[in-house]
Amino acid sequence: MPFTPYHLGPSGFVGLLLRKWIDVPVFILANVIVDVEVLFLGLTGIGAPYHRYVHTLLFGAAVGALWGAAAYPLRRVFKTVMRTLCISYEPHLLKMVISGILGVWLHVLIDGTYHHDVKVLWPSQTTSLWVAVMSRISREQVRTICLVFFIGAVIPYALAVSSYMRRSKRS
């Protein structure tokens, strides 16, 4: 994506929709953490290509797993934030690790449709997703889809809040 915030739509939608199986804060933040690679390469002057190892399924899985495990000590902070947002939250280490991996993979797949330098299947020399998808979908369409998912995230969020409120009344 041209800017990491575009990833918040799909990650928020998927994370909230699948919140029973996905740790929402870890999943959403995994979509942001991936772009530390781009930031680092840009700030250090190393330069292009900006989407290197972390923007692959292989290394992305490792980074996602590390992020999920590193986030485990933050589970109380996440629980407070989720309570403020009126969303039930039950953190578990394995769920956080899997959510980190899946969050990074979602980011990589979105970027793979947008940036020509993302080698999703590295170390395989297979052509990037960009080549296959860009002949069918434009960058503007990718941005629009991400924004539609952002708006669409309101629905699973409303359902999560409704569920949270029902549980709170029973308690």
C-alpha atoms as a PDB file:
ATOM      1  CA  MET A   1       0.000   0.000   0.000  1.00  0.00           C
ATOM      2  CA  PRO A   2       1.151   3.518  -0.460  1.00  0.00           C
ATOM      3  CA  PHE A   3       0.438   4.154   3.203  1.00  0.00           C
ATOM      4  CA  THR A   4       0.119   1.561   5.969  1.00  0.00           C
ATOM      5  CA  PRO A   5      -3.298   2.905   7.146  1.00  0.00           C
ATOM      6  CA  TYR A   6      -4.915   1.358   4.075  1.00  0.00           C
ATOM      7  CA  HIS A   7      -4.253  -2.021   5.694  1.00  0.00           C
ATOM      8  CA  LEU A   8      -6.428  -1.140   8.680  1.00  0.00           C
ATOM      9  CA  GLY A   9      -9.636  -1.673   6.695  1.00  0.00           C
ATOM     10  CA  PRO A  10      -9.062  -5.295   5.683  1.00  0.00           C
ATOM     11  CA  SER A  11      -7.292  -6.185   8.948  1.00  0.00           C
ATOM     12  CA  GLY A  12     -10.006  -4.577  11.081  1.00  0.00           C
ATOM     13  CA  PHE A  13     -12.764  -6.264   9.108  1.00  0.00           C
ATOM     14  CA  VAL A  14     -11.178  -9.727   9.154  1.00  0.00           C
ATOM     15  CA  GLY A  15      -9.945  -9.429  12.744  1.00  0.00           C
ATOM     16  CA  LEU A  16     -13.319  -8.325  14.088  1.00  0.00           C
ATOM     17  CA  LEU A  17     -15.239 -10.820  11.988  1.00  0.00           C
ATOM     18  CA  LEU A  18     -13.046 -13.705  13.188  1.00  0.00           C
ATOM     19  CA  ARG A  19     -12.375 -12.374  16.698  1.00  0.00           C
ATOM     20  CA  LYS A  20     -13.268 -15.744  18.257  1.00  0.00           C
ATOM     21  CA  TRP A  21     -10.163 -17.249  16.617  1.00  0.00           C
ATOM     22  CA  ILE A  22      -8.005 -14.156  15.977  1.00  0.00           C
ATOM     23  CA  ASP A  23      -6.448 -11.856  18.543  1.00  0.00           C
ATOM     24  CA  VAL A  24      -7.719  -8.565  17.121  1.00  0.00           C
ATOM     25  CA  PRO A  25      -5.056  -6.125  18.411  1.00  0.00           C
ATOM     26  CA  VAL A  26      -2.182  -8.450  17.496  1.00  0.00           C
ATOM     27  CA  PHE A  27      -3.662  -9.117  14.051  1.00  0.00           C
ATOM     28  CA  ILE A  28      -4.247  -5.434  13.274  1.00  0.00           C
ATOM     29  CA  LEU A  29      -0.870  -4.297  14.597  1.00  0.00           C
ATOM     30  CA  ALA A  30       0.887  -7.074  12.653  1.00  0.00           C
ATOM     31  CA  ASN A  31      -0.344  -5.304   9.529  1.00  0.00           C
ATOM     32  CA  VAL A  32       1.499  -2.176  10.669  1.00  0.00           C
ATOM     33  CA  ILE A  33       4.685  -3.790  11.977  1.00  0.00           C
ATOM     34  CA  VAL A  34       5.512  -5.221   8.554  1.00  0.00           C
ATOM     35  CA  ASP A  35       6.188  -1.750   7.213  1.00  0.00           C
ATOM     36  CA  VAL A  36       8.964  -1.171   9.755  1.00  0.00           C
ATOM     37  CA  GLU A  37      11.098  -2.819   7.056  1.00  0.00           C
ATOM     38  CA  VAL A  38      10.112  -0.138   4.521  1.00  0.00           C
ATOM     39  CA  LEU A  39      10.642   2.628   7.076  1.00  0.00           C
ATOM     40  CA  PHE A  40      14.062   1.262   8.034  1.00  0.00           C
ATOM     41  CA  LEU A  41      15.236   0.935   4.425  1.00  0.00           C
ATOM     42  CA  GLY A  42      14.006   4.437   3.640  1.00  0.00           C
ATOM     43  CA  LEU A  43      15.462   6.148   6.713  1.00  0.00           C
ATOM     44  CA  THR A  44      18.857   4.460   6.504  1.00  0.00           C
ATOM     45  CA  GLY A  45      19.251   5.326   2.846  1.00  0.00           C
ATOM     46  CA  ILE A  46      19.641   1.679   1.861  1.00  0.00           C
ATOM     47  CA  GLY A  47      16.887   2.291  -0.657  1.00  0.00           C
ATOM     48  CA  ALA A  48      14.989   0.194  -3.147  1.00  0.00           C
ATOM     49  CA  PRO A  49      13.670  -2.356  -3.246  1.00  0.00           C
ATOM     50  CA  TYR A  50      11.789  -1.325  -0.119  1.00  0.00           C
ATOM     51  CA  HIS A  51       9.761  -4.521   0.191  1.00  0.00           C
ATOM     52  CA  ARG A  52      12.326  -7.195   0.852  1.00  0.00           C
ATOM     53  CA  TYR A  53      12.364 -10.093   3.298  1.00  0.00           C
ATOM     54  CA  VAL A  54       9.585  -9.239   5.739  1.00  0.00           C
ATOM     55  CA  HIS A  55       7.251  -8.778   2.774  1.00  0.00           C
ATOM     56  CA  THR A  56       7.434 -12.509   1.991  1.00  0.00           C
ATOM     57  CA  LEU A  57       5.316 -15.341   3.373  1.00  0.00           C
ATOM     58  CA  LEU A  58       8.408 -17.126   4.687  1.00  0.00           C
ATOM     59  CA  PHE A  59      10.114 -14.357   6.670  1.00  0.00           C
ATOM     60  CA  GLY A  60       6.756 -12.702   7.291  1.00  0.00           C
ATOM     61  CA  ALA A  61       5.647 -15.804   9.200  1.00  0.00           C
ATOM     62  CA  ALA A  62       8.731 -15.581  11.411  1.00  0.00           C
ATOM     63  CA  VAL A  63       8.204 -11.861  12.056  1.00  0.00           C
ATOM     64  CA  GLY A  64       4.501 -12.425  12.733  1.00  0.00           C
ATOM     65  CA  ALA A  65       5.233 -15.236  15.194  1.00  0.00           C
ATOM     66  CA  LEU A  66       7.837 -13.117  16.974  1.00  0.00           C
ATOM     67  CA  TRP A  67       5.400 -10.188  17.135  1.00  0.00           C
ATOM     68  CA  GLY A  68       2.641 -12.411  18.543  1.00  0.00           C
ATOM     69  CA  ALA A  69       4.964 -13.789  21.241  1.00  0.00           C
ATOM     70  CA  ALA A  70       6.396 -10.326  22.006  1.00  0.00           C
ATOM     71  CA  ALA A  71       2.849  -8.945  22.334  1.00  0.00           C
ATOM     72  CA  TYR A  72       1.906 -11.521  24.978  1.00  0.00           C
ATOM     73  CA  PRO A  73       3.230  -9.380  27.870  1.00  0.00           C
ATOM     74  CA  LEU A  74       1.033  -6.533  26.532  1.00  0.00           C
ATOM     75  CA  ARG A  75      -2.154  -8.585  26.876  1.00  0.00           C
ATOM     76  CA  ARG A  76      -3.382  -6.570  29.875  1.00  0.00           C
ATOM     77  CA  VAL A  77      -2.945  -3.331  27.942  1.00  0.00           C
ATOM     78  CA  PHE A  78      -4.790  -4.836  24.979  1.00  0.00           C
ATOM     79  CA  LYS A  79      -7.538  -6.067  27.317  1.00  0.00           C
ATOM     80  CA  THR A  80      -7.998  -2.532  28.692  1.00  0.00           C
ATOM     81  CA  VAL A  81      -8.146  -1.066  25.184  1.00  0.00           C
ATOM     82  CA  MET A  82     -10.601  -3.713  24.022  1.00  0.00           C
ATOM     83  CA  ARG A  83     -12.775  -3.147  27.103  1.00  0.00           C
ATOM     84  CA  THR A  84     -12.783   0.584  26.306  1.00  0.00           C
ATOM     85  CA  LEU A  85     -13.915  -0.303  22.767  1.00  0.00           C
ATOM     86  CA  CYS A  86     -16.565  -2.653  24.270  1.00  0.00           C
ATOM     87  CA  ILE A  87     -15.140  -5.780  22.654  1.00  0.00           C
ATOM     88  CA  SER A  88     -14.661  -9.057  24.539  1.00  0.00           C
ATOM     89  CA  TYR A  89     -11.040 -10.101  24.700  1.00  0.00           C
ATOM     90  CA  GLU A  90      -9.485 -13.351  25.865  1.00  0.00           C
ATOM     91  CA  PRO A  91      -5.773 -13.469  25.009  1.00  0.00           C
ATOM     92  CA  HIS A  92      -3.868 -16.740  24.675  1.00  0.00           C
ATOM     93  CA  LEU A  93      -0.240 -17.077  23.592  1.00  0.00           C
ATOM     94  CA  LEU A  94      -0.905 -19.496  20.716  1.00  0.00           C
ATOM     95  CA  LYS A  95      -3.802 -17.364  19.454  1.00  0.00           C
ATOM     96  CA  MET A  96      -1.549 -14.280  19.561  1.00  0.00           C
ATOM     97  CA  VAL A  97       1.276 -16.010  17.676  1.00  0.00           C
ATOM     98  CA  ILE A  98      -1.089 -17.319  14.982  1.00  0.00           C
ATOM     99  CA  SER A  99      -2.728 -13.884  14.736  1.00  0.00           C
ATOM    100  CA  GLY A 100       0.676 -12.269  14.254  1.00  0.00           C
ATOM    101  CA  ILE A 101       1.485 -14.626  11.400  1.00  0.00           C
ATOM    102  CA  LEU A 102      -1.909 -14.217   9.720  1.00  0.00           C
ATOM    103  CA  GLY A 103      -1.783 -10.430  10.126  1.00  0.00           C
ATOM    104  CA  VAL A 104       1.610 -10.201   8.443  1.00  0.00           C
ATOM    105  CA  TRP A 105       0.465 -12.538   5.675  1.00  0.00           C
ATOM    106  CA  LEU A 106      -2.605 -10.391   5.000  1.00  0.00           C
ATOM    107  CA  HIS A 107      -0.362  -7.351   4.681  1.00  0.00           C
ATOM    108  CA  VAL A 108       2.046  -9.195   2.372  1.00  0.00           C
ATOM    109  CA  LEU A 109      -0.774 -10.403   0.132  1.00  0.00           C
ATOM    110  CA  ILE A 110      -2.278  -6.911  -0.141  1.00  0.00           C
ATOM    111  CA  ASP A 111       1.120  -5.382  -0.863  1.00  0.00           C
ATOM    112  CA  GLY A 112       1.801  -8.200  -3.333  1.00  0.00           C
ATOM    113  CA  THR A 113      -1.104  -6.921  -5.430  1.00  0.00           C
ATOM    114  CA  TYR A 114       0.065  -3.322  -5.180  1.00  0.00           C
ATOM    115  CA  HIS A 115       3.868  -3.162  -5.314  1.00  0.00           C
ATOM    116  CA  HIS A 116       5.958  -4.701  -8.078  1.00  0.00           C
ATOM    117  CA  ASP A 117       8.907  -5.374  -5.776  1.00  0.00           C
ATOM    118  CA  VAL A 118       7.048  -7.678  -3.338  1.00  0.00           C
ATOM    119  CA  LYS A 119       8.170 -11.280  -3.830  1.00  0.00           C
ATOM    120  CA  VAL A 120       5.445 -13.036  -1.851  1.00  0.00           C
ATOM    121  CA  LEU A 121       6.769 -16.549  -2.468  1.00  0.00           C
ATOM    122  CA  TRP A 122      10.486 -15.760  -2.024  1.00  0.00           C
ATOM    123  CA  PRO A 123      12.902 -17.606  -2.205  1.00  0.00           C
ATOM    124  CA  SER A 124      10.983 -19.065  -5.135  1.00  0.00           C
ATOM    125  CA  GLN A 125      11.637 -17.157  -8.333  1.00  0.00           C
ATOM    126  CA  THR A 126       7.913 -17.236  -9.113  1.00  0.00           C
ATOM    127  CA  THR A 127       6.614 -13.967 -10.499  1.00  0.00           C
ATOM    128  CA  SER A 128       5.157 -11.644  -7.906  1.00  0.00           C
ATOM    129  CA  LEU A 129       1.413 -11.378  -7.377  1.00  0.00           C
ATOM    130  CA  TRP A 130       1.702  -7.849  -8.726  1.00  0.00           C
ATOM    131  CA  VAL A 131       2.295  -9.066 -12.261  1.00  0.00           C
ATOM    132  CA  ALA A 132      -0.630 -11.508 -12.160  1.00  0.00           C
ATOM    133  CA  VAL A 133      -3.124  -9.211 -10.437  1.00  0.00           C
ATOM    134  CA  MET A 134      -2.206  -5.831 -11.897  1.00  0.00           C
ATOM    135  CA  SER A 135      -3.383  -6.912 -15.319  1.00  0.00           C
ATOM    136  CA  ARG A 136      -6.846  -7.310 -13.781  1.00  0.00           C
ATOM    137  CA  ILE A 137      -7.031  -4.712 -11.026  1.00  0.00           C
ATOM    138  CA  SER A 138      -5.631  -1.206 -10.742  1.00  0.00           C
ATOM    139  CA  ARG A 139      -3.877   0.367  -7.790  1.00  0.00           C
ATOM    140  CA  GLU A 140      -6.842   2.694  -7.376  1.00  0.00           C
ATOM    141  CA  GLN A 141      -9.125  -0.329  -7.130  1.00  0.00           C
ATOM    142  CA  VAL A 142      -6.893  -1.874  -4.445  1.00  0.00           C
ATOM    143  CA  ARG A 143      -7.076   1.369  -2.430  1.00  0.00           C
ATOM    144  CA  THR A 144     -10.851   1.515  -2.912  1.00  0.00           C
ATOM    145  CA  ILE A 145     -11.268  -2.091  -1.798  1.00  0.00           C
ATOM    146  CA  CYS A 146      -9.237  -1.359   1.345  1.00  0.00           C
ATOM    147  CA  LEU A 147     -11.396   1.689   2.095  1.00  0.00           C
ATOM    148  CA  VAL A 148     -14.585  -0.318   1.545  1.00  0.00           C
ATOM    149  CA  PHE A 149     -13.322  -2.890   4.039  1.00  0.00           C
ATOM    150  CA  PHE A 150     -12.631  -0.056   6.498  1.00  0.00           C
ATOM    151  CA  ILE A 151     -16.243   1.077   6.203  1.00  0.00           C
ATOM    152  CA  GLY A 152     -17.400  -2.539   6.272  1.00  0.00           C
ATOM    153  CA  ALA A 153     -15.532  -3.115   9.557  1.00  0.00           C
ATOM    154  CA  VAL A 154     -18.314  -1.123  11.227  1.00  0.00           C
ATOM    155  CA  ILE A 155     -20.625  -4.140  10.885  1.00  0.00           C
ATOM    156  CA  PRO A 156     -18.509  -6.725  12.767  1.00  0.00           C
ATOM    157  CA  TYR A 157     -17.570  -3.986  15.257  1.00  0.00           C
ATOM    158  CA  ALA A 158     -21.263  -3.270  15.944  1.00  0.00           C
ATOM    159  CA  LEU A 159     -21.885  -6.998  16.380  1.00  0.00           C
ATOM    160  CA  ALA A 160     -18.943  -7.274  18.782  1.00  0.00           C
ATOM    161  CA  VAL A 161     -20.195  -4.319  20.840  1.00  0.00           C
ATOM    162  CA  SER A 162     -23.715  -5.741  20.902  1.00  0.00           C
ATOM    163  CA  SER A 163     -22.398  -9.096  22.130  1.00  0.00           C
ATOM    164  CA  TYR A 164     -20.249  -7.353  24.748  1.00  0.00           C
ATOM    165  CA  MET A 165     -23.201  -5.327  26.032  1.00  0.00           C
ATOM    166  CA  ARG A 166     -25.437  -8.424  26.300  1.00  0.00           C
ATOM    167  CA  ARG A 167     -22.749 -10.226  28.294  1.00  0.00           C
ATOM    168  CA  SER A 168     -22.229  -7.198  30.536  1.00  0.00           C
ATOM    169  CA  LYS A 169     -25.956  -7.041  31.368  1.00  0.00           C
ATOM    170  CA  ARG A 170     -25.990 -10.739  32.327  1.00  0.00           C
ATOM    171  CA  SER A 171     -23.037 -10.313  34.681  1.00  0.00           C
END
